[in-house]
All heavy atoms as atom14 arrays in JSON, in Angstrom:
{
  "sequence": "LLKLLVGDMQYDTGTIAKEKDIKIGFLRQD",
  "atom14_mask": [
    [1, 1, 1, 1, 1, 1, 1, 1, 0, 0, 0, 0, 0, 0],
    [1, 1, 1, 1, 1, 1, 1, 1, 0, 0, 0, 0, 0, 0],
    [1, 1, 1, 1, 1, 1, 1, 1, 1, 0, 0, 0, 0, 0],
    [1, 1, 1, 1, 1, 1, 1, 1, 0, 0, 0, 0, 0, 0],
    [1, 1, 1, 1, 1, 1, 1, 1, 0, 0, 0, 0, 0, 0],
    [1, 1, 1, 1, 1, 1, 1, 0, 0, 0, 0, 0, 0, 0],
    [1, 1, 1, 1, 0, 0, 0, 0, 0, 0, 0, 0, 0, 0],
    [1, 1, 1, 1, 1, 1, 1, 1, 0, 0, 0, 0, 0, 0],
    [1, 1, 1, 1, 1, 1, 1, 1, 0, 0, 0, 0, 0, 0],
    [1, 1, 1, 1, 1, 1, 1, 1, 1, 0, 0, 0, 0, 0],
    [1, 1, 1, 1, 1, 1, 1, 1, 1, 1, 1, 1, 0, 0],
    [1, 1, 1, 1, 1, 1, 1, 1, 0, 0, 0, 0, 0, 0],
    [1, 1, 1, 1, 1, 1, 1, 0, 0, 0, 0, 0, 0, 0],
    [1, 1, 1, 1, 0, 0, 0, 0, 0, 0, 0, 0, 0, 0],
    [1, 1, 1, 1, 1, 1, 1, 0, 0, 0, 0, 0, 0, 0],
    [1, 1, 1, 1, 1, 1, 1, 1, 0, 0, 0, 0, 0, 0],
    [1, 1, 1, 1, 1, 0, 0, 0, 0, 0, 0, 0, 0, 0],
    [1, 1, 1, 1, 1, 1, 1, 1, 1, 0, 0, 0, 0, 0],
    [1, 1, 1, 1, 1, 1, 1, 1, 1, 0, 0, 0, 0, 0],
    [1, 1, 1, 1, 1, 1, 1, 1, 1, 0, 0, 0, 0, 0],
    [1, 1, 1, 1, 1, 1, 1, 1, 0, 0, 0, 0, 0, 0],
    [1, 1, 1, 1, 1, 1, 1, 1, 0, 0, 0, 0, 0, 0],
    [1, 1, 1, 1, 1, 1, 1, 1, 1, 0, 0, 0, 0, 0],
    [1, 1, 1, 1, 1, 1, 1, 1, 0, 0, 0, 0, 0, 0],
    [1, 1, 1, 1, 0, 0, 0, 0, 0, 0, 0, 0, 0, 0],
    [1, 1, 1, 1, 1, 1, 1, 1, 1, 1, 1, 0, 0, 0],
    [1, 1, 1, 1, 1, 1, 1, 1, 0, 0, 0, 0, 0, 0],
    [1, 1, 1, 1, 1, 1, 1, 1, 1, 1, 1, 0, 0, 0],
    [1, 1, 1, 1, 1, 1, 1, 1, 1, 0, 0, 0, 0, 0],
    [1, 1, 1, 1, 1, 1, 1, 1, 0, 0, 0, 0, 0, 0]
  ],
  "atom14_positions": [
    [[4.95, 2.35, -6.49], [5.2, 2.35, -5.05], [3.93, 2.71, -4.28], [3.62, 2.09, -3.25], [6.32, 3.33, -4.71], [6.73, 3.4, -3.23], [7.11, 2.01, -2.7], [7.9, 4.38, -3.03], [0.0, 0.0, 0.0], [0.0, 0.0, 0.0], [0.0, 0.0, 0.0], [0.0, 0.0, 0.0], [0.0, 0.0, 0.0], [0.0, 0.0, 0.0]],
    [[3.16, 3.68, -4.78], [1.9, 4.04, -4.11], [0.93, 2.86, -4.12], [0.26, 2.58, -3.12], [1.25, 5.25, -4.8], [1.98, 6.59, -4.74], [1.08, 7.7, -5.26], [2.44, 6.93, -3.33], [0.0, 0.0, 0.0], [0.0, 0.0, 0.0], [0.0, 0.0, 0.0], [0.0, 0.0, 0.0], [0.0, 0.0, 0.0], [0.0, 0.0, 0.0]],
    [[0.87, 2.16, -5.25], [-0.03, 1.0, -5.35], [0.4, -0.12, -4.4], [-0.44, -0.84, -3.86], [-0.07, 0.48, -6.79], [-0.79, 1.43, -7.74], [-0.67, 0.97, -9.19], [-1.33, 1.98, -10.13], [-1.13, 1.63, -11.55], [0.0, 0.0, 0.0], [0.0, 0.0, 0.0], [0.0, 0.0, 0.0], [0.0, 0.0, 0.0], [0.0, 0.0, 0.0]],
    [[1.71, -0.26, -4.18], [2.21, -1.26, -3.23], [1.81, -0.88, -1.8], [1.4, -1.74, -1.01], [3.74, -1.36, -3.33], [4.3, -1.97, -4.61], [5.81, -1.8, -4.66], [3.94, -3.44, -4.73], [0.0, 0.0, 0.0], [0.0, 0.0, 0.0], [0.0, 0.0, 0.0], [0.0, 0.0, 0.0], [0.0, 0.0, 0.0], [0.0, 0.0, 0.0]],
    [[1.92, 0.41, -1.48], [1.59, 0.86, -0.12], [0.12, 0.67, 0.22], [-0.23, 0.37, 1.36], [1.98, 2.34, 0.05], [3.47, 2.68, -0.05], [3.69, 4.18, 0.13], [4.29, 1.91, 0.97], [0.0, 0.0, 0.0], [0.0, 0.0, 0.0], [0.0, 0.0, 0.0], [0.0, 0.0, 0.0], [0.0, 0.0, 0.0], [0.0, 0.0, 0.0]],
    [[-0.75, 0.85, -0.8], [-2.19, 0.73, -0.55], [-2.67, -0.72, -0.72], [-3.81, -1.05, -0.37], [-2.98, 1.68, -1.48], [-3.15, 1.08, -2.87], [-4.33, 2.05, -0.87], [0.0, 0.0, 0.0], [0.0, 0.0, 0.0], [0.0, 0.0, 0.0], [0.0, 0.0, 0.0], [0.0, 0.0, 0.0], [0.0, 0.0, 0.0], [0.0, 0.0, 0.0]],
    [[-1.79, -1.6, -1.26], [-2.15, -3.01, -1.41], [-2.76, -3.37, -2.74], [-3.3, -4.46, -2.89], [0.0, 0.0, 0.0], [0.0, 0.0, 0.0], [0.0, 0.0, 0.0], [0.0, 0.0, 0.0], [0.0, 0.0, 0.0], [0.0, 0.0, 0.0], [0.0, 0.0, 0.0], [0.0, 0.0, 0.0], [0.0, 0.0, 0.0], [0.0, 0.0, 0.0]],
    [[-2.67, -2.47, -3.74], [-3.22, -2.76, -5.07], [-2.32, -3.69, -5.88], [-2.75, -4.3, -6.85], [-3.4, -1.46, -5.87], [-4.66, -0.7, -5.45], [-5.35, -1.19, -4.54], [-4.93, 0.37, -6.01], [0.0, 0.0, 0.0], [0.0, 0.0, 0.0], [0.0, 0.0, 0.0], [0.0, 0.0, 0.0], [0.0, 0.0, 0.0], [0.0, 0.0, 0.0]],
    [[-1.03, -3.76, -5.49], [-0.07, -4.62, -6.19], [0.73, -5.44, -5.19], [0.81, -5.09, -4.01], [0.9, -3.76, -7.04], [0.29, -3.12, -8.25], [1.5, -2.11, -9.17], [2.67, -3.38, -9.67], [0.0, 0.0, 0.0], [0.0, 0.0, 0.0], [0.0, 0.0, 0.0], [0.0, 0.0, 0.0], [0.0, 0.0, 0.0], [0.0, 0.0, 0.0]],
    [[1.34, -6.51, -5.69], [2.2, -7.36, -4.86], [3.66, -7.06, -5.16], [4.03, -6.79, -6.3], [1.91, -8.84, -5.14], [0.51, -9.29, -4.75], [0.26, -9.17, -3.25], [1.09, -9.58, -2.43], [-0.88, -8.59, -2.89], [0.0, 0.0, 0.0], [0.0, 0.0, 0.0], [0.0, 0.0, 0.0], [0.0, 0.0, 0.0], [0.0, 0.0, 0.0]],
    [[4.51, -7.13, -4.13], [5.95, -6.92, -4.31], [6.66, -8.26, -4.31], [6.12, -9.29, -3.9], [6.51, -6.0, -3.22], [6.02, -6.29, -1.82], [6.68, -7.2, -0.99], [4.87, -5.65, -1.32], [6.23, -7.46, 0.29], [4.41, -5.91, -0.04], [5.09, -6.8, 0.76], [4.64, -7.06, 2.03], [0.0, 0.0, 0.0], [0.0, 0.0, 0.0]],
    [[7.9, -8.26, -4.81], [8.69, -9.5, -4.91], [9.24, -9.92, -3.56], [9.0, -11.03, -3.09], [9.83, -9.32, -5.92], [9.32, -9.08, -7.33], [8.15, -9.4, -7.58], [10.08, -8.56, -8.16], [0.0, 0.0, 0.0], [0.0, 0.0, 0.0], [0.0, 0.0, 0.0], [0.0, 0.0, 0.0], [0.0, 0.0, 0.0], [0.0, 0.0, 0.0]],
    [[10.02, -9.03, -2.94], [10.61, -9.33, -1.64], [10.54, -8.1, -0.74], [10.31, -6.99, -1.21], [12.09, -9.75, -1.78], [12.81, -8.67, -2.42], [12.22, -11.02, -2.61], [0.0, 0.0, 0.0], [0.0, 0.0, 0.0], [0.0, 0.0, 0.0], [0.0, 0.0, 0.0], [0.0, 0.0, 0.0], [0.0, 0.0, 0.0], [0.0, 0.0, 0.0]],
    [[10.76, -8.32, 0.56], [10.73, -7.22, 1.53], [9.45, -7.25, 2.34], [8.64, -8.18, 2.25], [0.0, 0.0, 0.0], [0.0, 0.0, 0.0], [0.0, 0.0, 0.0], [0.0, 0.0, 0.0], [0.0, 0.0, 0.0], [0.0, 0.0, 0.0], [0.0, 0.0, 0.0], [0.0, 0.0, 0.0], [0.0, 0.0, 0.0], [0.0, 0.0, 0.0]],
    [[9.25, -6.21, 3.15], [8.06, -6.14, 3.99], [7.49, -4.71, 4.01], [8.24, -3.73, 3.9], [8.36, -6.55, 5.45], [9.4, -5.71, 5.96], [8.78, -8.0, 5.53], [0.0, 0.0, 0.0], [0.0, 0.0, 0.0], [0.0, 0.0, 0.0], [0.0, 0.0, 0.0], [0.0, 0.0, 0.0], [0.0, 0.0, 0.0], [0.0, 0.0, 0.0]],
    [[6.17, -4.61, 4.17], [5.49, -3.34, 4.44], [4.69, -3.55, 5.73], [3.67, -4.23, 5.72], [4.56, -2.92, 3.3], [5.35, -2.72, 2.0], [3.82, -1.63, 3.66], [4.48, -2.36, 0.8], [0.0, 0.0, 0.0], [0.0, 0.0, 0.0], [0.0, 0.0, 0.0], [0.0, 0.0, 0.0], [0.0, 0.0, 0.0], [0.0, 0.0, 0.0]],
    [[5.21, -3.02, 6.83], [4.55, -3.18, 8.12], [3.66, -1.97, 8.4], [4.11, -0.82, 8.3], [5.6, -3.33, 9.22], [0.0, 0.0, 0.0], [0.0, 0.0, 0.0], [0.0, 0.0, 0.0], [0.0, 0.0, 0.0], [0.0, 0.0, 0.0], [0.0, 0.0, 0.0], [0.0, 0.0, 0.0], [0.0, 0.0, 0.0], [0.0, 0.0, 0.0]],
    [[2.39, -2.22, 8.74], [1.42, -1.15, 8.99], [0.92, -1.25, 10.42], [0.77, -2.35, 10.96], [0.23, -1.27, 8.03], [0.6, -1.26, 6.56], [-0.63, -1.47, 5.69], [-0.26, -1.53, 4.21], [-1.44, -1.81, 3.35], [0.0, 0.0, 0.0], [0.0, 0.0, 0.0], [0.0, 0.0, 0.0], [0.0, 0.0, 0.0], [0.0, 0.0, 0.0]],
    [[0.66, -0.08, 11.04], [0.03, -0.07, 12.35], [-1.38, -0.67, 12.25], [-2.03, -0.58, 11.21], [-0.06, 1.36, 12.89], [1.29, 1.94, 13.29], [1.16, 3.34, 13.86], [0.01, 3.82, 14.01], [2.2, 3.96, 14.16], [0.0, 0.0, 0.0], [0.0, 0.0, 0.0], [0.0, 0.0, 0.0], [0.0, 0.0, 0.0], [0.0, 0.0, 0.0]],
    [[-1.83, -1.26, 13.33], [-3.14, -1.9, 13.35], [-4.25, -0.87, 13.09], [-4.22, 0.24, 13.6], [-3.37, -2.57, 14.71], [-4.61, -3.44, 14.76], [-4.77, -4.09, 16.13], [-6.04, -4.93, 16.18], [-6.25, -5.53, 17.53], [0.0, 0.0, 0.0], [0.0, 0.0, 0.0], [0.0, 0.0, 0.0], [0.0, 0.0, 0.0], [0.0, 0.0, 0.0]],
    [[-5.22, -1.25, 12.27], [-6.4, -0.44, 11.95], [-6.06, 0.87, 11.24], [-6.86, 1.82, 11.25], [-7.21, -0.12, 13.22], [-7.74, -1.38, 13.9], [-8.05, -2.34, 13.17], [-7.82, -1.39, 15.14], [0.0, 0.0, 0.0], [0.0, 0.0, 0.0], [0.0, 0.0, 0.0], [0.0, 0.0, 0.0], [0.0, 0.0, 0.0], [0.0, 0.0, 0.0]],
    [[-4.9, 0.95, 10.61], [-4.52, 2.18, 9.89], [-5.4, 2.34, 8.65], [-5.72, 1.36, 7.97], [-3.03, 2.15, 9.5], [-2.57, 3.53, 9.04], [-2.75, 1.12, 8.41], [-1.07, 3.65, 8.87], [0.0, 0.0, 0.0], [0.0, 0.0, 0.0], [0.0, 0.0, 0.0], [0.0, 0.0, 0.0], [0.0, 0.0, 0.0], [0.0, 0.0, 0.0]],
    [[-5.86, 3.57, 8.39], [-6.71, 3.85, 7.23], [-5.9, 4.63, 6.19], [-5.35, 5.69, 6.49], [-7.94, 4.66, 7.66], [-8.91, 3.87, 8.53], [-10.03, 4.77, 9.07], [-10.92, 5.26, 7.96], [-12.02, 6.12, 8.47], [0.0, 0.0, 0.0], [0.0, 0.0, 0.0], [0.0, 0.0, 0.0], [0.0, 0.0, 0.0], [0.0, 0.0, 0.0]],
    [[-5.85, 4.08, 4.98], [-5.07, 4.69, 3.91], [-6.01, 5.14, 2.79], [-6.81, 4.35, 2.28], [-4.02, 3.71, 3.34], [-3.06, 3.26, 4.45], [-3.25, 4.35, 2.2], [-2.05, 2.22, 4.0], [0.0, 0.0, 0.0], [0.0, 0.0, 0.0], [0.0, 0.0, 0.0], [0.0, 0.0, 0.0], [0.0, 0.0, 0.0], [0.0, 0.0, 0.0]],
    [[-5.93, 6.41, 2.41], [-6.71, 6.95, 1.3], [-5.81, 7.15, 0.09], [-4.69, 7.64, 0.23], [0.0, 0.0, 0.0], [0.0, 0.0, 0.0], [0.0, 0.0, 0.0], [0.0, 0.0, 0.0], [0.0, 0.0, 0.0], [0.0, 0.0, 0.0], [0.0, 0.0, 0.0], [0.0, 0.0, 0.0], [0.0, 0.0, 0.0], [0.0, 0.0, 0.0]],
    [[-6.29, 6.76, -1.1], [-5.46, 6.8, -2.3], [-6.17, 7.57, -3.4], [-7.24, 7.18, -3.85], [-5.17, 5.36, -2.75], [-4.23, 5.24, -3.92], [-3.36, 6.26, -4.27], [-4.22, 4.08, -4.7], [-2.49, 6.13, -5.34], [-3.37, 3.94, -5.78], [-2.5, 4.97, -6.1], [0.0, 0.0, 0.0], [0.0, 0.0, 0.0], [0.0, 0.0, 0.0]],
    [[-5.57, 8.69, -3.81], [-6.08, 9.47, -4.94], [-5.29, 9.07, -6.18], [-4.13, 9.42, -6.33], [-5.92, 10.97, -4.69], [-6.46, 11.89, -5.79], [-7.97, 11.84, -5.84], [-5.98, 13.31, -5.6], [0.0, 0.0, 0.0], [0.0, 0.0, 0.0], [0.0, 0.0, 0.0], [0.0, 0.0, 0.0], [0.0, 0.0, 0.0], [0.0, 0.0, 0.0]],
    [[-5.93, 8.31, -7.05], [-5.25, 7.79, -8.23], [-5.22, 8.83, -9.35], [-5.96, 9.8, -9.34], [-5.97, 6.53, -8.73], [-5.85, 5.35, -7.76], [-6.81, 4.23, -8.14], [-6.58, 3.03, -7.33], [-7.05, 2.87, -6.1], [-7.78, 3.82, -5.54], [-6.79, 1.76, -5.43], [0.0, 0.0, 0.0], [0.0, 0.0, 0.0], [0.0, 0.0, 0.0]],
    [[-4.35, 8.57, -10.36], [-4.29, 9.46, -11.52], [-5.6, 9.42, -12.29], [-6.11, 10.43, -12.75], [-3.16, 9.01, -12.47], [-1.77, 9.41, -12.02], [-0.73, 9.08, -13.08], [-1.06, 8.9, -14.25], [0.52, 8.99, -12.68], [0.0, 0.0, 0.0], [0.0, 0.0, 0.0], [0.0, 0.0, 0.0], [0.0, 0.0, 0.0], [0.0, 0.0, 0.0]],
    [[-6.14, 8.2, -12.45], [-7.35, 8.03, -13.26], [-8.52, 7.72, -12.34], [-8.57, 6.67, -11.69], [-7.16, 6.89, -14.27], [-5.95, 7.14, -15.17], [-5.84, 8.26, -15.68], [-5.14, 6.21, -15.34], [0.0, 0.0, 0.0], [0.0, 0.0, 0.0], [0.0, 0.0, 0.0], [0.0, 0.0, 0.0], [0.0, 0.0, 0.0], [0.0, 0.0, 0.0]]
  ]
}
């Protein structure tokens, strides 16, 4: 789910709507 939110993976159906120019930081396990 975290990878979907940051755009690292593609989802099958549905939508993820983001505010314009939003900056997302992702601290991965590895």
